[in-house]
């Protein structure tokens, strides 16, 4: 007679999942059952690990007071000179003057008076235009375009090299 070696038969993991899932749901259901005077277990667990709204509001108010005090102190030191006399106006929010980016500011949008700068460049451009027109005037005093193809009187005609 032939004897076969002994083999161990193991249960597949889906067996444990299939029988363990209903038991797990039953335990969770029992934990979630409430009495009329208490709230569900999961709700109590969630509330235990979340912050209270009043604590968050107190923290926000404390932060706001600290920021306001810092702004007040900054303004105080900016407007007082060494003699103790005020040299400026009392601003409630001094940071509003520095809220824009110093880069990529369009011309004329900075709030500064640019009229002298505009006048300077307008005069500079007029001088450059006068110089350009004096170079292209012909003998009759008429301004000719640089791009005109008709020859200018008295001009030397260029000949190609042969």
N, C-alpha and C. Protein backbone atom coordinates (compact mmCIF):
# COMPACT_ATOMS: atom_id res chain seq x y z
N UNK A 1 0.82 -1.16 0.00
CA UNK A 1 0.00 0.00 0.00
C UNK A 1 0.89 1.25 0.00
N UNK A 2 0.46 2.25 -0.76
CA UNK A 2 1.26 3.47 -0.92
C UNK A 2 0.69 4.53 0.01
N UNK A 3 1.59 5.16 0.76
CA UNK A 3 1.15 6.25 1.65
C UNK A 3 1.60 7.58 1.05
N UNK A 4 0.72 8.52 1.07
CA UNK A 4 1.03 9.86 0.56
C UNK A 4 1.50 10.74 1.70
N UNK A 5 2.37 11.70 1.37
CA UNK A 5 2.81 12.59 2.45
C UNK A 5 1.65 13.47 2.92
N UNK A 6 1.72 13.82 4.15
CA UNK A 6 0.67 14.64 4.76
C UNK A 6 0.80 16.09 4.26
N UNK A 7 -0.29 16.67 3.79
CA UNK A 7 -0.29 18.06 3.33
C UNK A 7 -1.21 18.87 4.22
N UNK A 8 -0.77 20.10 4.52
CA UNK A 8 -1.62 20.99 5.31
C UNK A 8 -2.47 21.82 4.36
N UNK A 9 -3.71 21.90 4.67
CA UNK A 9 -4.63 22.67 3.84
C UNK A 9 -4.91 23.97 4.59
N UNK A 10 -4.63 25.09 3.94
CA UNK A 10 -4.87 26.40 4.56
C UNK A 10 -6.10 27.03 3.94
N UNK A 11 -6.75 27.83 4.74
CA UNK A 11 -7.93 28.54 4.25
C UNK A 11 -7.46 29.78 3.49
N UNK A 12 -8.08 30.10 2.37
CA UNK A 12 -7.69 31.30 1.63
C UNK A 12 -8.11 32.56 2.38
N UNK A 13 -7.44 33.65 2.07
CA UNK A 13 -7.71 34.91 2.78
C UNK A 13 -9.12 35.42 2.50
N UNK A 14 -9.71 35.10 1.38
CA UNK A 14 -11.07 35.57 1.10
C UNK A 14 -12.08 34.95 2.06
N UNK A 15 -11.75 33.78 2.60
CA UNK A 15 -12.63 33.16 3.61
C UNK A 15 -12.70 34.04 4.86
N UNK A 16 -11.54 34.49 5.32
CA UNK A 16 -11.50 35.34 6.51
C UNK A 16 -12.16 36.69 6.25
N UNK A 17 -11.97 37.22 5.06
CA UNK A 17 -12.60 38.49 4.71
C UNK A 17 -14.11 38.32 4.66
N UNK A 18 -14.58 37.24 4.07
CA UNK A 18 -16.02 37.01 3.93
C UNK A 18 -16.70 36.85 5.28
N UNK A 19 -16.08 36.13 6.21
CA UNK A 19 -16.70 35.94 7.52
C UNK A 19 -16.36 37.05 8.51
N UNK A 20 -15.26 37.76 8.29
CA UNK A 20 -14.86 38.82 9.22
C UNK A 20 -15.57 40.13 8.98
N UNK A 21 -15.96 40.40 7.74
CA UNK A 21 -16.61 41.67 7.41
C UNK A 21 -17.94 41.84 8.13
N UNK A 22 -18.84 40.87 8.11
CA UNK A 22 -20.10 41.07 8.85
C UNK A 22 -19.88 41.25 10.35
N UNK A 23 -18.91 40.54 10.89
CA UNK A 23 -18.63 40.69 12.32
C UNK A 23 -18.12 42.10 12.61
N UNK A 24 -17.23 42.61 11.76
CA UNK A 24 -16.71 43.96 11.93
C UNK A 24 -17.83 44.99 11.85
N UNK A 25 -18.72 44.84 10.87
CA UNK A 25 -19.83 45.78 10.75
C UNK A 25 -20.77 45.69 11.95
N UNK A 26 -20.97 44.51 12.49
CA UNK A 26 -21.83 44.36 13.66
C UNK A 26 -21.21 45.07 14.87
N UNK A 27 -19.91 44.93 15.05
CA UNK A 27 -19.23 45.61 16.17
C UNK A 27 -19.32 47.12 15.99
N UNK A 28 -19.08 47.62 14.78
CA UNK A 28 -19.19 49.06 14.55
C UNK A 28 -20.62 49.55 14.76
N UNK A 29 -21.59 48.75 14.37
CA UNK A 29 -22.99 49.13 14.58
C UNK A 29 -23.31 49.22 16.07
N UNK A 30 -22.81 48.27 16.83
CA UNK A 30 -23.06 48.29 18.28
C UNK A 30 -22.36 49.48 18.95
N UNK A 31 -21.17 49.83 18.46
CA UNK A 31 -20.48 50.98 19.02
C UNK A 31 -21.19 52.28 18.68
N UNK A 32 -21.85 52.30 17.55
CA UNK A 32 -22.52 53.51 17.10
C UNK A 32 -23.92 53.66 17.69
N UNK A 33 -24.42 52.64 18.35
CA UNK A 33 -25.74 52.74 18.97
C UNK A 33 -25.70 53.77 20.08
N UNK A 34 -26.74 54.54 20.17
CA UNK A 34 -26.78 55.59 21.18
C UNK A 34 -27.97 55.42 22.08
N UNK A 35 -27.82 56.00 23.23
CA UNK A 35 -28.96 56.10 24.13
C UNK A 35 -29.55 57.48 23.91
N UNK A 36 -30.74 57.72 24.39
CA UNK A 36 -31.34 59.04 24.15
C UNK A 36 -30.53 60.21 24.72
N UNK A 37 -29.68 59.96 25.73
CA UNK A 37 -28.95 61.07 26.33
C UNK A 37 -27.50 61.18 25.86
N UNK A 38 -27.05 60.37 24.92
CA UNK A 38 -25.67 60.46 24.44
C UNK A 38 -25.64 60.49 22.91
N UNK A 39 -24.53 60.95 22.40
CA UNK A 39 -24.35 61.01 20.94
C UNK A 39 -23.63 59.75 20.47
N UNK A 40 -23.61 59.49 19.16
CA UNK A 40 -22.94 58.29 18.64
C UNK A 40 -21.44 58.30 18.95
N UNK A 41 -20.88 57.10 19.04
CA UNK A 41 -19.48 56.94 19.39
C UNK A 41 -18.56 57.59 18.36
N UNK A 42 -18.86 57.38 17.09
CA UNK A 42 -17.99 57.92 16.03
C UNK A 42 -18.05 59.44 16.03
N UNK A 43 -19.23 60.00 16.28
CA UNK A 43 -19.34 61.46 16.35
C UNK A 43 -18.53 62.00 17.51
N UNK A 44 -18.60 61.31 18.65
CA UNK A 44 -17.80 61.74 19.81
C UNK A 44 -16.31 61.61 19.52
N UNK A 45 -15.92 60.57 18.81
CA UNK A 45 -14.51 60.37 18.48
C UNK A 45 -14.01 61.47 17.54
N UNK A 46 -14.83 61.84 16.56
CA UNK A 46 -14.45 62.90 15.63
C UNK A 46 -14.34 64.23 16.36
N UNK A 47 -15.28 64.53 17.22
CA UNK A 47 -15.26 65.79 17.96
C UNK A 47 -14.08 65.86 18.92
N UNK A 48 -13.65 64.73 19.40
CA UNK A 48 -12.53 64.70 20.33
C UNK A 48 -11.25 65.19 19.66
N UNK A 49 -11.07 64.86 18.37
CA UNK A 49 -9.83 65.20 17.68
C UNK A 49 -9.94 66.44 16.79
N UNK A 50 -11.05 67.10 16.79
CA UNK A 50 -11.17 68.34 16.03
C UNK A 50 -11.13 69.52 16.99
N UNK A 51 -10.68 70.64 16.47
CA UNK A 51 -10.59 71.83 17.32
C UNK A 51 -11.98 72.42 17.54
N UNK A 52 -12.11 73.02 18.66
CA UNK A 52 -13.36 73.71 18.95
C UNK A 52 -13.39 75.05 18.22
N UNK A 53 -14.56 75.47 17.81
CA UNK A 53 -14.70 76.71 17.06
C UNK A 53 -14.33 77.92 17.91
N UNK A 54 -14.68 77.91 19.18
CA UNK A 54 -14.37 79.06 20.03
C UNK A 54 -12.86 79.18 20.26
N UNK A 55 -12.15 78.06 20.35
CA UNK A 55 -10.69 78.12 20.50
C UNK A 55 -10.06 78.71 19.24
N UNK A 56 -10.59 78.33 18.09
CA UNK A 56 -10.08 78.87 16.83
C UNK A 56 -10.34 80.37 16.74
N UNK A 57 -11.53 80.79 17.19
CA UNK A 57 -11.88 82.21 17.15
C UNK A 57 -11.00 83.01 18.10
N UNK A 58 -10.72 82.47 19.28
CA UNK A 58 -9.84 83.15 20.24
C UNK A 58 -8.43 83.30 19.67
N UNK A 59 -7.95 82.25 19.02
CA UNK A 59 -6.62 82.31 18.42
C UNK A 59 -6.57 83.37 17.33
N UNK A 60 -7.62 83.46 16.52
CA UNK A 60 -7.67 84.45 15.45
C UNK A 60 -7.69 85.86 16.03
N UNK A 61 -8.48 86.09 17.08
CA UNK A 61 -8.54 87.41 17.70
C UNK A 61 -7.19 87.80 18.30
N UNK A 62 -6.52 86.85 18.94
CA UNK A 62 -5.21 87.12 19.52
C UNK A 62 -4.19 87.48 18.43
N UNK A 63 -4.23 86.75 17.33
CA UNK A 63 -3.33 87.04 16.21
C UNK A 63 -3.63 88.42 15.63
N UNK A 64 -4.91 88.76 15.50
CA UNK A 64 -5.29 90.05 14.94
C UNK A 64 -4.81 91.19 15.84
N UNK A 65 -4.95 91.04 17.15
CA UNK A 65 -4.48 92.08 18.07
C UNK A 65 -2.97 92.25 17.98
N UNK A 66 -2.25 91.14 17.84
CA UNK A 66 -0.79 91.22 17.74
C UNK A 66 -0.37 91.94 16.45
N UNK A 67 -1.06 91.66 15.35
CA UNK A 67 -0.73 92.32 14.08
C UNK A 67 -1.05 93.81 14.16
N UNK A 68 -2.18 94.17 14.75
CA UNK A 68 -2.54 95.59 14.89
C UNK A 68 -1.53 96.32 15.76
N UNK A 69 -1.09 95.69 16.84
CA UNK A 69 -0.11 96.32 17.73
C UNK A 69 1.23 96.49 17.01
N UNK A 70 1.63 95.50 16.22
CA UNK A 70 2.88 95.61 15.47
C UNK A 70 2.79 96.74 14.44
N UNK A 71 1.66 96.88 13.77
CA UNK A 71 1.48 97.96 12.80
C UNK A 71 1.50 99.32 13.50
N UNK A 72 0.88 99.40 14.66
CA UNK A 72 0.87 100.66 15.42
C UNK A 72 2.29 101.03 15.83
N UNK A 73 3.05 100.06 16.34
CA UNK A 73 4.43 100.33 16.75
C UNK A 73 5.29 100.74 15.56
N UNK A 74 5.11 100.09 14.44
CA UNK A 74 5.87 100.42 13.24
C UNK A 74 5.58 101.85 12.81
N UNK A 75 4.30 102.22 12.80
CA UNK A 75 3.92 103.57 12.41
C UNK A 75 4.44 104.59 13.42
N UNK A 76 4.42 104.24 14.69
CA UNK A 76 4.90 105.14 15.73
C UNK A 76 6.38 105.46 15.50
N UNK A 77 7.17 104.45 15.23
CA UNK A 77 8.60 104.68 15.04
C UNK A 77 8.91 105.33 13.70
N UNK A 78 8.05 105.16 12.72
CA UNK A 78 8.29 105.80 11.42
C UNK A 78 7.95 107.29 11.45
N UNK A 79 6.99 107.70 12.26
CA UNK A 79 6.56 109.10 12.25
C UNK A 79 7.21 109.94 13.32
N UNK A 80 7.96 109.35 14.22
CA UNK A 80 8.62 110.11 15.28
C UNK A 80 10.09 110.26 14.94
N UNK A 81 10.62 111.47 15.13
CA UNK A 81 12.06 111.63 14.97
C UNK A 81 12.73 111.58 16.34
N UNK A 82 14.03 111.85 16.40
CA UNK A 82 14.77 111.69 17.65
C UNK A 82 14.34 112.68 18.72
N UNK A 83 13.77 113.81 18.32
CA UNK A 83 13.34 114.80 19.31
C UNK A 83 11.97 114.48 19.88
N UNK A 84 11.29 113.51 19.31
CA UNK A 84 9.96 113.15 19.81
C UNK A 84 8.84 113.88 19.09
N UNK A 85 9.18 114.71 18.12
CA UNK A 85 8.15 115.43 17.37
C UNK A 85 7.67 114.57 16.21
N UNK A 86 6.39 114.65 15.94
CA UNK A 86 5.84 113.88 14.84
C UNK A 86 6.21 114.54 13.52
N UNK A 87 6.72 113.77 12.57
CA UNK A 87 7.10 114.32 11.28
C UNK A 87 6.20 113.82 10.16
N UNK A 88 5.11 113.21 10.48
CA UNK A 88 4.22 112.71 9.45
C UNK A 88 2.80 112.60 9.97
N UNK A 89 1.93 112.14 9.12
CA UNK A 89 0.55 111.96 9.55
C UNK A 89 0.39 110.57 10.12
N UNK A 90 -0.56 110.41 10.99
CA UNK A 90 -0.80 109.12 11.60
C UNK A 90 -1.63 108.28 10.64
N UNK A 91 -1.03 107.23 10.13
CA UNK A 91 -1.72 106.36 9.19
C UNK A 91 -2.23 105.13 9.92
N UNK A 92 -3.42 104.73 9.61
CA UNK A 92 -3.97 103.55 10.26
C UNK A 92 -3.36 102.27 9.71
N UNK A 93 -3.16 102.22 8.41
CA UNK A 93 -2.56 101.04 7.78
C UNK A 93 -1.41 101.49 6.88
N UNK A 94 -0.19 101.63 7.41
CA UNK A 94 0.91 102.12 6.58
C UNK A 94 1.35 101.14 5.50
N UNK A 95 1.01 99.86 5.65
CA UNK A 95 1.43 98.89 4.65
C UNK A 95 0.68 99.04 3.34
N UNK A 96 -0.39 99.85 3.32
CA UNK A 96 -1.12 100.02 2.08
C UNK A 96 -0.30 100.78 1.03
N UNK A 97 0.75 101.48 1.46
CA UNK A 97 1.58 102.18 0.51
C UNK A 97 2.62 101.27 -0.13
N UNK A 98 2.83 100.10 0.43
CA UNK A 98 3.84 99.18 -0.09
C UNK A 98 3.23 97.89 -0.60
N UNK A 99 1.97 97.91 -0.98
CA UNK A 99 1.32 96.66 -1.35
C UNK A 99 1.52 96.26 -2.80
N UNK A 100 2.10 97.10 -3.61
CA UNK A 100 2.29 96.76 -5.01
C UNK A 100 3.68 96.22 -5.28
N UNK A 101 3.80 95.49 -6.35
CA UNK A 101 5.10 94.95 -6.74
C UNK A 101 5.95 96.06 -7.34
N UNK A 102 7.24 96.13 -7.02
CA UNK A 102 8.08 97.16 -7.63
C UNK A 102 8.48 96.81 -9.06
N UNK A 103 8.15 95.62 -9.51
CA UNK A 103 8.50 95.17 -10.85
C UNK A 103 7.26 95.18 -11.74
N UNK A 104 7.48 95.32 -13.03
CA UNK A 104 6.41 95.28 -14.03
C UNK A 104 5.34 96.33 -13.79
N UNK A 105 5.74 97.53 -13.41
CA UNK A 105 4.80 98.62 -13.22
C UNK A 105 4.71 99.39 -14.52
N UNK A 106 3.51 99.55 -15.06
CA UNK A 106 3.34 100.27 -16.31
C UNK A 106 3.66 101.74 -16.11
N UNK A 107 4.14 102.39 -17.16
CA UNK A 107 4.47 103.80 -17.06
C UNK A 107 3.22 104.61 -16.75
N UNK A 108 3.33 105.49 -15.79
CA UNK A 108 2.21 106.33 -15.40
C UNK A 108 1.29 105.70 -14.38
N UNK A 109 1.52 104.46 -13.99
CA UNK A 109 0.64 103.78 -13.04
C UNK A 109 1.21 103.74 -11.62
N UNK A 110 2.38 104.34 -11.42
CA UNK A 110 3.03 104.23 -10.12
C UNK A 110 2.51 105.24 -9.12
N UNK A 111 1.82 106.26 -9.55
CA UNK A 111 1.33 107.28 -8.63
C UNK A 111 2.28 108.45 -8.50
N UNK A 112 3.47 108.35 -9.05
CA UNK A 112 4.44 109.45 -8.99
C UNK A 112 4.12 110.45 -10.10
N UNK A 113 4.56 111.71 -9.90
CA UNK A 113 4.34 112.75 -10.90
C UNK A 113 5.41 112.60 -11.98
N UNK A 114 4.99 112.22 -13.17
CA UNK A 114 5.93 111.97 -14.26
C UNK A 114 5.91 113.07 -15.31
N UNK A 115 5.31 114.24 -15.00
CA UNK A 115 5.18 115.29 -16.02
C UNK A 115 6.54 115.84 -16.43
N UNK A 116 7.48 116.01 -15.49
CA UNK A 116 8.82 116.50 -15.85
C UNK A 116 9.56 115.48 -16.71
N UNK A 117 9.39 114.22 -16.40
CA UNK A 117 10.03 113.17 -17.18
C UNK A 117 9.46 113.12 -18.60
N UNK A 118 8.15 113.28 -18.72
CA UNK A 118 7.51 113.29 -20.04
C UNK A 118 8.00 114.49 -20.85
N UNK A 119 8.10 115.68 -20.20
CA UNK A 119 8.56 116.87 -20.90
C UNK A 119 10.01 116.71 -21.36
N UNK A 120 10.84 116.11 -20.52
CA UNK A 120 12.25 115.89 -20.87
C UNK A 120 12.36 115.01 -22.11
N UNK A 121 11.66 113.89 -22.12
CA UNK A 121 11.77 112.98 -23.26
C UNK A 121 11.08 113.54 -24.51
N UNK A 122 10.03 114.34 -24.33
CA UNK A 122 9.40 114.97 -25.49
C UNK A 122 10.39 115.94 -26.16
N UNK A 123 11.10 116.73 -25.32
CA UNK A 123 12.10 117.66 -25.87
C UNK A 123 13.25 116.89 -26.53
N UNK A 124 13.68 115.81 -25.90
CA UNK A 124 14.76 115.00 -26.46
C UNK A 124 14.34 114.40 -27.81
N UNK A 125 13.11 113.94 -27.91
CA UNK A 125 12.61 113.37 -29.18
C UNK A 125 12.48 114.45 -30.25
N UNK A 126 12.07 115.68 -29.86
CA UNK A 126 11.97 116.76 -30.84
C UNK A 126 13.35 117.12 -31.39
N UNK A 127 14.36 117.15 -30.51
CA UNK A 127 15.73 117.43 -30.98
C UNK A 127 16.21 116.33 -31.93
N UNK A 128 15.91 115.09 -31.60
CA UNK A 128 16.32 113.99 -32.47
C UNK A 128 15.59 114.07 -33.81
N UNK A 129 14.33 114.48 -33.80
CA UNK A 129 13.56 114.61 -35.05
C UNK A 129 14.10 115.77 -35.89
N UNK A 130 14.47 116.90 -35.24
CA UNK A 130 15.05 118.02 -35.98
C UNK A 130 16.37 117.62 -36.62
N UNK A 131 17.18 116.88 -35.90
CA UNK A 131 18.46 116.41 -36.45
C UNK A 131 18.22 115.48 -37.64
N UNK A 132 17.25 114.61 -37.53
CA UNK A 132 16.95 113.67 -38.61
C UNK A 132 16.44 114.42 -39.84
N UNK A 133 15.53 115.39 -39.64
CA UNK A 133 14.98 116.11 -40.79
C UNK A 133 16.03 117.00 -41.44
N UNK A 134 16.99 117.53 -40.65
CA UNK A 134 18.04 118.35 -41.26
C UNK A 134 18.94 117.50 -42.15
N UNK A 135 19.07 116.23 -41.84
CA UNK A 135 19.90 115.35 -42.65
C UNK A 135 19.22 114.97 -43.97
N UNK A 136 17.89 114.96 -44.01
CA UNK A 136 17.20 114.51 -45.22
C UNK A 136 16.60 115.65 -46.03
N UNK A 137 16.92 116.90 -45.68
CA UNK A 137 16.42 118.02 -46.49
C UNK A 137 17.22 118.08 -47.80
N UNK A 138 16.50 118.38 -48.89
CA UNK A 138 17.22 118.55 -50.15
C UNK A 138 17.57 120.03 -50.32
N UNK A 139 18.05 120.40 -51.45
CA UNK A 139 18.51 121.78 -51.67
C UNK A 139 17.38 122.79 -51.58
N UNK A 140 16.16 122.41 -51.89
CA UNK A 140 15.04 123.34 -51.85
C UNK A 140 14.46 123.50 -50.46
N UNK A 141 14.96 122.78 -49.48
CA UNK A 141 14.44 122.89 -48.12
C UNK A 141 13.27 121.96 -47.86
N UNK A 142 12.93 121.15 -48.85
CA UNK A 142 11.82 120.23 -48.69
C UNK A 142 12.31 118.96 -48.00
N UNK A 143 11.52 118.48 -47.02
CA UNK A 143 11.90 117.26 -46.30
C UNK A 143 11.51 116.07 -47.15
N UNK A 144 12.49 115.22 -47.39
CA UNK A 144 12.24 114.03 -48.18
C UNK A 144 12.33 112.81 -47.27
N UNK A 145 11.59 111.81 -47.62
CA UNK A 145 11.62 110.57 -46.85
C UNK A 145 12.89 109.80 -47.18
N UNK A 146 13.38 109.10 -46.23
CA UNK A 146 14.55 108.27 -46.45
C UNK A 146 14.22 107.14 -47.40
N UNK A 147 12.95 106.77 -47.46
CA UNK A 147 12.54 105.60 -48.24
C UNK A 147 12.11 105.94 -49.66
N UNK A 148 12.14 107.22 -50.06
CA UNK A 148 11.75 107.58 -51.43
C UNK A 148 12.79 107.06 -52.41
N UNK A 149 12.31 106.65 -53.57
CA UNK A 149 13.22 106.06 -54.57
C UNK A 149 13.68 107.08 -55.61
N UNK A 150 13.04 108.26 -55.66
CA UNK A 150 13.47 109.26 -56.64
C UNK A 150 14.79 109.86 -56.18
N UNK A 151 15.71 110.10 -57.10
CA UNK A 151 17.03 110.61 -56.70
C UNK A 151 16.95 112.05 -56.18
N UNK A 152 17.82 112.37 -55.27
CA UNK A 152 17.91 113.73 -54.72
C UNK A 152 18.83 114.52 -55.65
N UNK A 153 18.42 115.78 -55.91
CA UNK A 153 19.22 116.61 -56.81
C UNK A 153 20.59 116.86 -56.20
N UNK A 154 21.61 116.76 -57.00
CA UNK A 154 22.98 117.03 -56.55
C UNK A 154 23.62 115.85 -55.87
N UNK A 155 22.88 114.75 -55.73
CA UNK A 155 23.46 113.58 -55.07
C UNK A 155 24.30 112.81 -56.07
N UNK A 156 25.34 112.19 -55.60
CA UNK A 156 26.21 111.39 -56.46
C UNK A 156 25.59 110.02 -56.60
N UNK A 157 25.48 109.59 -57.84
CA UNK A 157 24.88 108.29 -58.10
C UNK A 157 25.94 107.21 -57.93
N UNK A 158 25.59 106.18 -57.20
CA UNK A 158 26.54 105.09 -56.96
C UNK A 158 26.57 104.19 -58.17
N UNK A 159 27.76 103.77 -58.52
CA UNK A 159 27.91 102.85 -59.64
C UNK A 159 28.45 101.54 -59.12
N UNK A 160 27.96 100.44 -59.67
CA UNK A 160 28.47 99.15 -59.20
C UNK A 160 29.89 98.92 -59.69
N UNK A 161 30.65 98.21 -58.91
CA UNK A 161 32.03 97.88 -59.28
C UNK A 161 32.02 96.82 -60.37
N UNK A 162 32.86 97.02 -61.36
CA UNK A 162 32.95 96.03 -62.43
C UNK A 162 34.32 95.42 -62.52
